[in-house]
Amino acid sequence: SDWSSDVCSSDLDLKMYINQLMSNETTVTEVIETDSFKHLKTNILKFKNSLSESPSALLWFQLLDMSEILCNSLVAERIGNWILHLKSMNDMLPYFAASGHYLYAKSTYLHL
């Protein structure tokens, strides 16, 4: 099946959930647990996997992953979330090692 037609089938439900979130009628946790959101997430992962043969797509996916790690790290520091801080540091370890920042990798490993 075409992933775009699957995404559009639950489009109205998702718009409704977005409106409810904006008006504080529901929480993010409740929306994430809905079938519409799970269906959307599954379709996005299928689409992402269909692009896994493209070197350019893989580079962009890596950039998105690194951006997410950075955002999580900033959020963790700003709100004082120790668990998210540790997870962010753990996620940064391979990038420190791959980029030759061995002292950062060592220090982060010891920190964890």
N, C-alpha and C. Protein backbone atom coordinates (compact mmCIF):
# COMPACT_ATOMS: atom_id res chain seq x y z
N SER A 1 0.83 -1.18 0.00
CA SER A 1 0.00 0.00 0.00
C SER A 1 0.87 1.24 0.00
N ASP A 2 0.34 2.29 -0.51
CA ASP A 2 1.05 3.56 -0.57
C ASP A 2 1.01 4.22 0.79
N TRP A 3 2.18 4.57 1.33
CA TRP A 3 2.25 5.11 2.68
C TRP A 3 1.52 6.44 2.79
N SER A 4 1.51 7.23 1.73
CA SER A 4 0.86 8.55 1.81
C SER A 4 -0.65 8.43 1.96
N SER A 5 -1.25 7.44 1.32
CA SER A 5 -2.70 7.27 1.47
C SER A 5 -3.04 6.80 2.88
N ASP A 6 -2.14 5.99 3.49
CA ASP A 6 -2.35 5.55 4.86
C ASP A 6 -2.28 6.71 5.84
N VAL A 7 -1.35 7.62 5.60
CA VAL A 7 -1.19 8.77 6.48
C VAL A 7 -2.42 9.67 6.41
N CYS A 8 -2.94 9.89 5.20
CA CYS A 8 -4.08 10.78 5.02
C CYS A 8 -5.36 10.22 5.62
N SER A 9 -5.46 8.90 5.76
CA SER A 9 -6.70 8.32 6.28
C SER A 9 -6.96 8.73 7.73
N SER A 10 -5.93 8.96 8.50
CA SER A 10 -6.13 9.36 9.90
C SER A 10 -5.81 10.84 10.11
N ASP A 11 -5.77 11.58 9.03
CA ASP A 11 -5.40 13.00 9.08
C ASP A 11 -6.37 13.80 9.94
N LEU A 12 -7.67 13.54 9.81
CA LEU A 12 -8.66 14.29 10.59
C LEU A 12 -8.52 14.03 12.08
N ASP A 13 -8.26 12.76 12.44
CA ASP A 13 -8.06 12.44 13.85
C ASP A 13 -6.87 13.19 14.42
N LEU A 14 -5.80 13.22 13.66
CA LEU A 14 -4.59 13.90 14.14
C LEU A 14 -4.81 15.40 14.27
N LYS A 15 -5.54 15.99 13.34
CA LYS A 15 -5.84 17.42 13.45
C LYS A 15 -6.68 17.69 14.70
N MET A 16 -7.61 16.80 14.99
CA MET A 16 -8.44 16.95 16.17
C MET A 16 -7.57 16.88 17.44
N TYR A 17 -6.63 15.91 17.47
CA TYR A 17 -5.75 15.78 18.63
C TYR A 17 -4.85 17.00 18.79
N ILE A 18 -4.37 17.55 17.69
CA ILE A 18 -3.55 18.76 17.75
C ILE A 18 -4.35 19.92 18.34
N ASN A 19 -5.59 20.07 17.87
CA ASN A 19 -6.45 21.14 18.42
C ASN A 19 -6.71 20.94 19.91
N GLN A 20 -6.91 19.68 20.32
CA GLN A 20 -7.12 19.40 21.74
C GLN A 20 -5.87 19.70 22.56
N LEU A 21 -4.71 19.40 22.00
CA LEU A 21 -3.46 19.72 22.70
C LEU A 21 -3.30 21.22 22.86
N MET A 22 -3.60 21.96 21.80
CA MET A 22 -3.43 23.41 21.84
C MET A 22 -4.39 24.07 22.83
N SER A 23 -5.55 23.47 23.02
CA SER A 23 -6.52 24.04 23.96
C SER A 23 -6.46 23.38 25.34
N ASN A 24 -5.41 22.58 25.57
CA ASN A 24 -5.20 21.90 26.85
C ASN A 24 -6.34 20.97 27.26
N GLU A 25 -7.02 20.40 26.28
CA GLU A 25 -8.08 19.43 26.57
C GLU A 25 -7.54 18.02 26.76
N THR A 26 -6.31 17.78 26.29
CA THR A 26 -5.69 16.47 26.41
C THR A 26 -4.20 16.66 26.65
N THR A 27 -3.50 15.56 26.94
CA THR A 27 -2.06 15.63 27.17
C THR A 27 -1.32 14.92 26.04
N VAL A 28 -0.04 15.20 25.94
CA VAL A 28 0.78 14.56 24.92
C VAL A 28 0.80 13.05 25.13
N THR A 29 0.87 12.63 26.38
CA THR A 29 0.89 11.19 26.68
C THR A 29 -0.36 10.50 26.17
N GLU A 30 -1.52 11.13 26.33
CA GLU A 30 -2.77 10.54 25.84
C GLU A 30 -2.77 10.46 24.31
N VAL A 31 -2.25 11.47 23.64
CA VAL A 31 -2.24 11.48 22.17
C VAL A 31 -1.29 10.40 21.65
N ILE A 32 -0.15 10.25 22.29
CA ILE A 32 0.83 9.25 21.84
C ILE A 32 0.26 7.85 21.93
N GLU A 33 -0.65 7.62 22.86
CA GLU A 33 -1.22 6.29 23.04
C GLU A 33 -2.38 5.99 22.09
N THR A 34 -2.81 6.96 21.28
CA THR A 34 -3.93 6.73 20.37
C THR A 34 -3.51 5.88 19.17
N ASP A 35 -4.48 5.19 18.59
CA ASP A 35 -4.21 4.36 17.42
C ASP A 35 -3.78 5.21 16.22
N SER A 36 -4.33 6.40 16.08
CA SER A 36 -3.98 7.27 14.95
C SER A 36 -2.51 7.66 15.01
N PHE A 37 -2.04 8.01 16.18
CA PHE A 37 -0.64 8.39 16.33
C PHE A 37 0.27 7.20 16.09
N LYS A 38 -0.09 6.03 16.62
CA LYS A 38 0.71 4.82 16.41
C LYS A 38 0.76 4.46 14.94
N HIS A 39 -0.37 4.63 14.24
CA HIS A 39 -0.43 4.35 12.80
C HIS A 39 0.48 5.32 12.04
N LEU A 40 0.43 6.58 12.40
CA LEU A 40 1.29 7.58 11.76
C LEU A 40 2.76 7.26 11.99
N LYS A 41 3.11 6.91 13.21
CA LYS A 41 4.49 6.59 13.54
C LYS A 41 4.97 5.38 12.74
N THR A 42 4.13 4.37 12.61
CA THR A 42 4.47 3.18 11.84
C THR A 42 4.71 3.54 10.37
N ASN A 43 3.85 4.38 9.82
CA ASN A 43 4.00 4.77 8.41
C ASN A 43 5.25 5.61 8.19
N ILE A 44 5.59 6.45 9.14
CA ILE A 44 6.81 7.25 9.01
C ILE A 44 8.03 6.33 9.05
N LEU A 45 8.02 5.35 9.93
CA LEU A 45 9.14 4.40 9.98
C LEU A 45 9.25 3.58 8.71
N LYS A 46 8.11 3.18 8.12
CA LYS A 46 8.14 2.46 6.84
C LYS A 46 8.75 3.33 5.75
N PHE A 47 8.35 4.59 5.71
CA PHE A 47 8.89 5.51 4.72
C PHE A 47 10.39 5.71 4.93
N LYS A 48 10.80 5.86 6.18
CA LYS A 48 12.21 6.03 6.48
C LYS A 48 13.01 4.80 6.06
N ASN A 49 12.48 3.63 6.31
CA ASN A 49 13.15 2.39 5.92
C ASN A 49 13.22 2.23 4.40
N SER A 50 12.22 2.75 3.69
CA SER A 50 12.24 2.65 2.23
C SER A 50 13.35 3.51 1.63
N LEU A 51 13.81 4.51 2.38
CA LEU A 51 14.89 5.38 1.91
C LEU A 51 16.26 4.94 2.39
N SER A 52 16.34 3.80 3.07
CA SER A 52 17.59 3.39 3.68
C SER A 52 18.68 3.02 2.68
N GLU A 53 18.36 2.90 1.40
CA GLU A 53 19.36 2.59 0.38
C GLU A 53 20.05 3.84 -0.14
N SER A 54 19.49 4.99 0.12
CA SER A 54 20.03 6.24 -0.40
C SER A 54 21.08 6.82 0.55
N PRO A 55 22.33 7.01 0.08
CA PRO A 55 23.35 7.60 0.95
C PRO A 55 22.98 9.01 1.42
N SER A 56 22.35 9.79 0.55
CA SER A 56 21.96 11.15 0.94
C SER A 56 20.91 11.12 2.05
N ALA A 57 19.95 10.22 1.92
CA ALA A 57 18.91 10.10 2.94
C ALA A 57 19.51 9.67 4.27
N LEU A 58 20.45 8.73 4.22
CA LEU A 58 21.10 8.27 5.45
C LEU A 58 21.85 9.40 6.14
N LEU A 59 22.49 10.26 5.34
CA LEU A 59 23.19 11.40 5.91
C LEU A 59 22.22 12.35 6.59
N TRP A 60 21.08 12.61 5.96
CA TRP A 60 20.07 13.49 6.55
C TRP A 60 19.48 12.88 7.81
N PHE A 61 19.25 11.56 7.80
CA PHE A 61 18.73 10.89 8.99
C PHE A 61 19.72 11.00 10.14
N GLN A 62 21.02 10.88 9.82
CA GLN A 62 22.04 11.00 10.86
C GLN A 62 22.04 12.43 11.42
N LEU A 63 21.90 13.41 10.55
CA LEU A 63 21.84 14.79 11.00
C LEU A 63 20.63 15.02 11.92
N LEU A 64 19.49 14.45 11.55
CA LEU A 64 18.29 14.58 12.39
C LEU A 64 18.50 13.91 13.74
N ASP A 65 19.14 12.74 13.74
CA ASP A 65 19.42 12.05 15.01
C ASP A 65 20.34 12.88 15.89
N MET A 66 21.37 13.47 15.30
CA MET A 66 22.30 14.30 16.06
C MET A 66 21.61 15.55 16.60
N SER A 67 20.72 16.13 15.80
CA SER A 67 19.97 17.30 16.24
C SER A 67 19.06 16.96 17.41
N GLU A 68 18.45 15.78 17.35
CA GLU A 68 17.59 15.34 18.45
C GLU A 68 18.39 15.14 19.74
N ILE A 69 19.60 14.58 19.61
CA ILE A 69 20.46 14.41 20.79
C ILE A 69 20.80 15.76 21.39
N LEU A 70 21.15 16.72 20.54
CA LEU A 70 21.48 18.06 21.02
C LEU A 70 20.28 18.71 21.72
N CYS A 71 19.11 18.61 21.10
CA CYS A 71 17.90 19.20 21.71
C CYS A 71 17.59 18.55 23.05
N ASN A 72 17.70 17.23 23.12
CA ASN A 72 17.46 16.54 24.39
C ASN A 72 18.46 16.98 25.45
N SER A 73 19.71 17.17 25.04
CA SER A 73 20.73 17.62 25.98
C SER A 73 20.41 19.02 26.50
N LEU A 74 20.01 19.91 25.63
CA LEU A 74 19.67 21.27 26.05
C LEU A 74 18.46 21.28 26.99
N VAL A 75 17.46 20.49 26.65
CA VAL A 75 16.26 20.41 27.50
C VAL A 75 16.65 19.86 28.87
N ALA A 76 17.47 18.81 28.88
CA ALA A 76 17.88 18.20 30.15
C ALA A 76 18.60 19.19 31.03
N GLU A 77 19.48 20.00 30.45
CA GLU A 77 20.23 20.97 31.24
C GLU A 77 19.32 22.09 31.75
N ARG A 78 18.40 22.52 30.92
CA ARG A 78 17.55 23.65 31.30
C ARG A 78 16.52 23.29 32.37
N ILE A 79 15.99 22.06 32.31
CA ILE A 79 14.96 21.70 33.28
C ILE A 79 15.51 20.85 34.43
N GLY A 80 16.79 20.48 34.34
CA GLY A 80 17.40 19.71 35.41
C GLY A 80 16.98 18.26 35.44
N ASN A 81 16.72 17.68 34.28
CA ASN A 81 16.31 16.28 34.19
C ASN A 81 17.57 15.41 34.12
N TRP A 82 17.93 14.79 35.24
CA TRP A 82 19.17 14.02 35.33
C TRP A 82 19.15 12.80 34.41
N ILE A 83 18.04 12.10 34.34
CA ILE A 83 17.95 10.89 33.51
C ILE A 83 18.13 11.25 32.03
N LEU A 84 17.48 12.32 31.58
CA LEU A 84 17.61 12.75 30.19
C LEU A 84 19.04 13.23 29.92
N HIS A 85 19.67 13.86 30.90
CA HIS A 85 21.06 14.28 30.77
C HIS A 85 21.95 13.06 30.53
N LEU A 86 21.78 12.03 31.34
CA LEU A 86 22.59 10.82 31.19
C LEU A 86 22.34 10.13 29.85
N LYS A 87 21.08 10.09 29.43
CA LYS A 87 20.77 9.49 28.13
C LYS A 87 21.40 10.28 27.00
N SER A 88 21.35 11.59 27.07
CA SER A 88 21.94 12.44 26.03
C SER A 88 23.45 12.23 25.96
N MET A 89 24.08 12.18 27.12
CA MET A 89 25.53 11.96 27.13
C MET A 89 25.88 10.59 26.56
N ASN A 90 25.09 9.60 26.90
CA ASN A 90 25.30 8.25 26.37
C ASN A 90 25.14 8.24 24.85
N ASP A 91 24.16 8.96 24.34
CA ASP A 91 23.93 9.02 22.90
C ASP A 91 25.04 9.77 22.17
N MET A 92 25.73 10.68 22.87
CA MET A 92 26.82 11.44 22.26
C MET A 92 28.12 10.66 22.16
N LEU A 93 28.28 9.64 22.98
CA LEU A 93 29.54 8.89 23.03
C LEU A 93 30.06 8.44 21.66
N PRO A 94 29.25 7.80 20.82
CA PRO A 94 29.79 7.35 19.53
C PRO A 94 30.26 8.50 18.64
N TYR A 95 29.59 9.64 18.74
CA TYR A 95 29.98 10.79 17.92
C TYR A 95 31.30 11.38 18.40
N PHE A 96 31.52 11.40 19.72
CA PHE A 96 32.80 11.87 20.24
C PHE A 96 33.93 10.97 19.74
N ALA A 97 33.73 9.67 19.84
CA ALA A 97 34.78 8.73 19.43
C ALA A 97 35.02 8.80 17.92
N ALA A 98 33.96 8.85 17.13
CA ALA A 98 34.11 8.86 15.67
C ALA A 98 34.77 10.14 15.16
N SER A 99 34.57 11.25 15.88
CA SER A 99 35.13 12.52 15.43
C SER A 99 36.53 12.78 15.99
N GLY A 100 37.07 11.83 16.75
CA GLY A 100 38.41 11.97 17.26
C GLY A 100 38.52 12.73 18.57
N HIS A 101 37.42 13.04 19.19
CA HIS A 101 37.43 13.73 20.49
C HIS A 101 37.51 12.68 21.60
N TYR A 102 38.68 12.04 21.68
CA TYR A 102 38.83 10.91 22.59
C TYR A 102 38.76 11.33 24.06
N LEU A 103 39.24 12.53 24.38
CA LEU A 103 39.16 12.98 25.77
C LEU A 103 37.71 13.23 26.19
N TYR A 104 36.91 13.79 25.27
CA TYR A 104 35.48 13.96 25.56
C TYR A 104 34.82 12.59 25.75
N ALA A 105 35.17 11.65 24.87
CA ALA A 105 34.58 10.30 24.97
C ALA A 105 34.97 9.65 26.30
N LYS A 106 36.25 9.77 26.66
CA LYS A 106 36.71 9.18 27.92
C LYS A 106 36.03 9.84 29.12
N SER A 107 36.00 11.16 29.12
CA SER A 107 35.39 11.88 30.24
C SER A 107 33.90 11.58 30.36
N THR A 108 33.22 11.52 29.23
CA THR A 108 31.79 11.21 29.25
C THR A 108 31.55 9.80 29.74
N TYR A 109 32.37 8.87 29.30
CA TYR A 109 32.25 7.49 29.76
C TYR A 109 32.43 7.40 31.27
N LEU A 110 33.44 8.09 31.78
CA LEU A 110 33.66 8.11 33.24
C LEU A 110 32.52 8.80 33.97
N HIS A 111 31.98 9.86 33.37
CA HIS A 111 30.85 10.58 33.95
C HIS A 111 29.63 9.67 34.08
N LEU A 112 29.41 8.88 33.03
CA LEU A 112 28.26 7.96 33.06
C LEU A 112 28.47 6.85 34.08
